Amino acid sequence: MQPKLRSCNAIVLEFSSTIPLSDEQISKIRDVSHPDKDGDSSFFDLYQGHRTLAIVREAEEKTQEYKIEFTYVARTARKLSKRTPRISQLVKILCSVKEQLNFECSVVFEFGRKLRPKSIISLPMKYIEAPNMPFDRIQGLHLVKLNGNETKYDVFLEAPSKGILYENVEFNYVSSFDESLPDKILTKAKSISDKIVFRESKDAQNTK
C-alpha cells in the first residue's frame, strides 16, 4: 500500500468506496482509531517522500456499509507519533472483505518543463481574436471517454503557465480490497494518461 507516485509523474492518488463491514470488523477499526465527533476513524502513513490518509466514515442509518477514503500525496511530512493509527493496521482488517467493490478513483499528474509535455489538444488553446473577448486564453479542458451511454473516464487538463501541464484522471475501478490496490489504480490511471499527454523528454525528472 505504498505506491511510488513520482515514478510516473503523479502527485495525488485518491480512491474511495462503500464497503460492507461486520460488527467485529468495525469494532477492530475503532479499537485502533477512536472515532471523532462525526463517527469517523482516521489512519496515517509516511514513506519515502509520500504521506497518506485513510478515513473510515460512519455508516448511514440502518446499513452496515461504511465509506472508506484513501488519499496519497507525493510530499514529505513530519514524523508520526508511535500512537498514531497506521494505515497498515486498517489494511489488515479491510483485506478480510472479499466482496468486489466499486472504487471511485482520481489521479493527478504533474508534468514539468523539463519533460516538455504536450497534450493531444494543445494548451493554451488558440482562438480567433475578436474585440471585447470575455476571456484572454483557454488553458484548461475537460475530456470525456464514453462506453455506450456511460462514462468510461474523465480527463481534466490544465496548463497554468508555459511548459507546465496538470492532468486529472477520474474513473471507476472494480476490485476486491488488497494491498496491491493503489498500484493497480495508479497503473490504470497512467494507461489513460499516456493516451492524452506525451513527454518529449521521458527520462527527465518531473519538476515545476
Protein backbone atom coordinates (compact mmCIF):
# COMPACT_ATOMS: atom_id res chain seq x y z
CA MET A 1 0.00 0.00 0.00
CA GLN A 2 2.91 2.34 -0.76
CA PRO A 3 2.71 3.35 -4.45
CA LYS A 4 5.56 5.45 -5.87
CA LEU A 5 3.63 8.37 -7.35
CA ARG A 6 6.60 10.34 -8.67
CA SER A 7 7.78 7.36 -10.74
CA CYS A 8 5.02 8.21 -13.23
CA ASN A 9 4.74 11.97 -12.57
CA ALA A 10 1.70 11.61 -10.29
CA ILE A 11 1.34 13.87 -7.27
CA VAL A 12 -2.04 12.83 -5.81
CA LEU A 13 -3.87 9.48 -5.79
CA GLU A 14 -7.34 9.17 -4.29
CA PHE A 15 -9.82 6.32 -4.21
CA SER A 16 -12.97 5.60 -2.23
CA SER A 17 -15.75 3.05 -2.00
CA THR A 18 -18.69 1.93 0.10
CA ILE A 19 -17.78 -1.29 1.86
CA PRO A 20 -19.79 -3.75 4.00
CA LEU A 21 -18.23 -4.24 7.42
CA SER A 22 -19.31 -6.62 10.16
CA ASP A 23 -19.70 -5.56 13.79
CA GLU A 24 -16.44 -7.37 14.54
CA GLN A 25 -14.55 -5.59 11.76
CA ILE A 26 -15.80 -2.12 12.65
CA SER A 27 -15.05 -2.82 16.32
CA LYS A 28 -11.43 -3.64 15.41
CA ILE A 29 -11.19 -0.42 13.36
CA ARG A 30 -12.50 1.69 16.22
CA ASP A 31 -10.20 -0.01 18.72
CA VAL A 32 -7.21 1.14 16.65
CA SER A 33 -8.57 4.60 15.79
CA HIS A 34 -11.12 6.03 18.19
CA PRO A 35 -13.91 7.75 16.17
CA ASP A 36 -14.09 11.55 16.17
CA LYS A 37 -17.27 13.52 16.92
CA ASP A 38 -18.63 12.63 13.47
CA GLY A 39 -18.03 8.91 13.99
CA ASP A 40 -15.08 8.77 11.57
CA SER A 41 -11.83 6.85 12.18
CA SER A 42 -8.58 8.14 10.62
CA PHE A 43 -5.33 6.34 9.77
CA PHE A 44 -1.97 7.67 8.56
CA ASP A 45 1.30 6.67 6.92
CA LEU A 46 4.58 8.26 5.79
CA TYR A 47 7.06 6.67 3.38
CA GLN A 48 9.79 7.85 1.00
CA GLY A 49 8.51 11.33 0.21
CA HIS A 50 4.82 10.41 0.49
CA ARG A 51 2.12 10.93 3.06
CA THR A 52 -1.15 9.05 3.25
CA LEU A 53 -4.50 9.48 4.95
CA ALA A 54 -7.31 6.92 5.14
CA ILE A 55 -10.73 7.56 6.66
CA VAL A 56 -13.49 5.13 7.57
CA ARG A 57 -16.65 7.19 7.71
CA GLU A 58 -19.68 6.40 9.84
CA ALA A 59 -22.27 4.26 8.11
CA GLU A 60 -25.64 5.68 7.20
CA GLU A 61 -28.56 4.66 9.38
CA LYS A 62 -29.87 1.07 9.06
CA THR A 63 -26.90 -0.12 6.97
CA GLN A 64 -23.65 -1.93 7.61
CA GLU A 65 -21.89 -0.16 4.73
CA TYR A 66 -19.14 2.30 5.51
CA LYS A 67 -17.38 4.79 3.23
CA ILE A 68 -13.60 4.32 3.02
CA GLU A 69 -11.40 7.02 1.53
CA PHE A 70 -7.67 6.86 0.77
CA THR A 71 -5.53 9.84 -0.21
CA TYR A 72 -1.85 9.60 -1.22
CA VAL A 73 0.20 12.78 -1.72
CA ALA A 74 3.76 12.95 -3.05
CA ARG A 75 5.00 15.27 -0.32
CA THR A 76 7.13 14.81 2.77
CA ALA A 77 5.75 15.49 6.24
CA ARG A 78 6.74 15.36 9.88
CA LYS A 79 7.22 12.03 11.62
CA LEU A 80 4.21 10.31 13.10
CA SER A 81 3.98 9.59 16.78
CA LYS A 82 4.07 5.97 17.88
CA ARG A 83 0.44 6.16 18.99
CA THR A 84 -0.83 7.39 15.59
CA PRO A 85 -3.17 4.82 13.95
CA ARG A 86 -1.34 3.33 10.96
CA ILE A 87 -2.83 2.53 7.57
CA SER A 88 -1.22 -0.91 7.71
CA GLN A 89 -3.48 -1.70 10.68
CA LEU A 90 -6.56 -0.69 8.68
CA VAL A 91 -5.45 -2.62 5.58
CA LYS A 92 -5.11 -5.83 7.60
CA ILE A 93 -8.76 -5.53 8.60
CA LEU A 94 -10.09 -4.48 5.18
CA CYS A 95 -8.31 -7.34 3.38
CA SER A 96 -10.71 -9.74 5.11
CA VAL A 97 -13.54 -8.25 3.00
CA LYS A 98 -13.78 -10.49 -0.07
CA GLU A 99 -16.56 -8.72 -2.00
CA GLN A 100 -15.84 -6.98 -5.30
CA LEU A 101 -16.04 -3.23 -4.70
CA ASN A 102 -16.55 -0.26 -7.00
CA PHE A 103 -13.84 2.33 -6.31
CA GLU A 104 -14.14 5.94 -7.44
CA CYS A 105 -10.59 6.95 -8.41
CA SER A 106 -8.78 10.20 -9.12
CA VAL A 107 -5.10 10.62 -10.01
CA VAL A 108 -3.42 13.99 -10.59
CA PHE A 109 -0.31 14.12 -12.78
CA GLU A 110 2.15 17.00 -12.93
CA PHE A 111 4.38 17.41 -15.99
CA GLY A 112 7.11 19.99 -15.54
CA ARG A 113 9.09 21.98 -18.09
CA LYS A 114 11.98 19.51 -18.27
CA LEU A 115 9.60 16.84 -19.54
CA ARG A 116 8.42 19.14 -22.34
CA PRO A 117 4.87 17.73 -22.15
CA LYS A 118 2.32 18.04 -24.94
CA SER A 119 -1.33 17.01 -24.85
CA ILE A 120 -3.31 15.71 -27.84
CA ILE A 121 -5.07 19.10 -27.79
CA SER A 122 -2.57 21.94 -27.41
CA LEU A 123 -2.92 24.25 -24.45
CA PRO A 124 -3.23 27.20 -24.09
CA MET A 125 -5.68 26.89 -26.98
CA LYS A 126 -5.60 29.31 -29.89
CA TYR A 127 -8.78 31.06 -30.92
CA ILE A 128 -9.88 33.69 -33.41
CA GLU A 129 -9.12 37.09 -31.97
CA ALA A 130 -12.02 39.50 -31.82
CA PRO A 131 -12.62 42.77 -29.98
CA ASN A 132 -14.04 42.67 -26.46
CA MET A 133 -13.49 38.94 -25.91
CA PRO A 134 -14.75 37.87 -22.44
CA PHE A 135 -11.56 35.86 -21.80
CA ASP A 136 -7.86 36.01 -22.64
CA ARG A 137 -6.94 32.35 -23.16
CA ILE A 138 -8.21 28.78 -22.86
CA GLN A 139 -5.84 26.97 -20.52
CA GLY A 140 -7.99 24.03 -19.43
CA LEU A 141 -10.11 21.28 -20.98
CA HIS A 142 -12.47 18.51 -19.81
CA LEU A 143 -12.25 15.36 -21.96
CA VAL A 144 -14.77 12.52 -21.63
CA LYS A 145 -14.48 8.93 -22.90
CA LEU A 146 -17.82 7.13 -23.25
CA ASN A 147 -18.72 3.45 -23.19
CA GLY A 148 -22.20 3.48 -24.69
CA ASN A 149 -24.23 5.86 -22.56
CA GLU A 150 -21.88 5.54 -19.58
CA THR A 151 -18.72 7.47 -18.86
CA LYS A 152 -15.59 5.33 -19.04
CA TYR A 153 -13.27 8.05 -17.74
CA ASP A 154 -12.85 11.82 -17.45
CA VAL A 155 -9.63 13.73 -18.04
CA PHE A 156 -9.14 17.32 -16.93
CA LEU A 157 -6.18 19.22 -18.41
CA GLU A 158 -4.76 22.48 -17.08
CA ALA A 159 -1.82 24.49 -18.43
CA PRO A 160 -1.30 27.25 -15.82
CA SER A 161 1.89 28.52 -17.47
CA LYS A 162 4.09 27.75 -20.46
CA GLY A 163 5.72 24.32 -20.28
CA ILE A 164 3.72 23.05 -17.28
CA LEU A 165 0.78 20.68 -17.60
CA TYR A 166 -1.51 19.18 -14.98
CA GLU A 167 -3.76 16.24 -15.75
CA ASN A 168 -6.50 14.84 -13.51
CA VAL A 169 -7.76 11.37 -14.50
CA GLU A 170 -11.03 10.14 -12.97
CA PHE A 171 -12.55 6.68 -13.41
CA ASN A 172 -14.20 3.77 -11.60
CA TYR A 173 -12.26 0.60 -10.80
CA VAL A 174 -13.84 -2.69 -9.70
CA SER A 175 -11.72 -4.90 -7.47
CA SER A 176 -11.58 -6.65 -4.13
CA PHE A 177 -9.56 -4.84 -1.48
CA ASP A 178 -5.93 -5.95 -1.25
CA GLU A 179 -2.50 -4.46 -0.67
CA SER A 180 -1.81 -4.06 -4.40
CA LEU A 181 -4.92 -1.91 -4.97
CA PRO A 182 -3.19 1.53 -5.03
CA ASP A 183 -0.60 0.28 -7.52
CA LYS A 184 -3.29 -1.20 -9.78
CA ILE A 185 -5.24 2.07 -9.72
CA LEU A 186 -2.10 4.07 -10.46
CA THR A 187 -1.24 1.76 -13.38
CA LYS A 188 -4.76 2.18 -14.79
CA ALA A 189 -4.56 5.96 -14.48
CA LYS A 190 -1.17 6.04 -16.21
CA SER A 191 -2.51 3.95 -19.10
CA ILE A 192 -5.21 6.59 -19.63
CA SER A 193 -2.79 9.48 -19.15
CA ASP A 194 -0.39 8.09 -21.75
CA LYS A 195 -3.14 8.36 -24.38
CA ILE A 196 -3.59 12.08 -23.67
CA VAL A 197 -0.19 13.52 -22.67
CA PHE A 198 3.13 12.88 -24.39
CA ARG A 199 6.57 13.72 -22.96
CA GLU A 200 9.35 14.74 -25.32
CA SER A 201 11.91 14.10 -22.59
CA LYS A 202 10.85 10.85 -20.89
CA ASP A 203 13.93 10.49 -18.69
CA ALA A 204 13.83 13.94 -17.11
CA GLN A 205 12.74 14.35 -13.51
CA ASN A 206 9.31 15.87 -13.01
CA THR A 207 9.68 19.44 -11.82
CA LYS A 208 7.84 22.70 -11.84
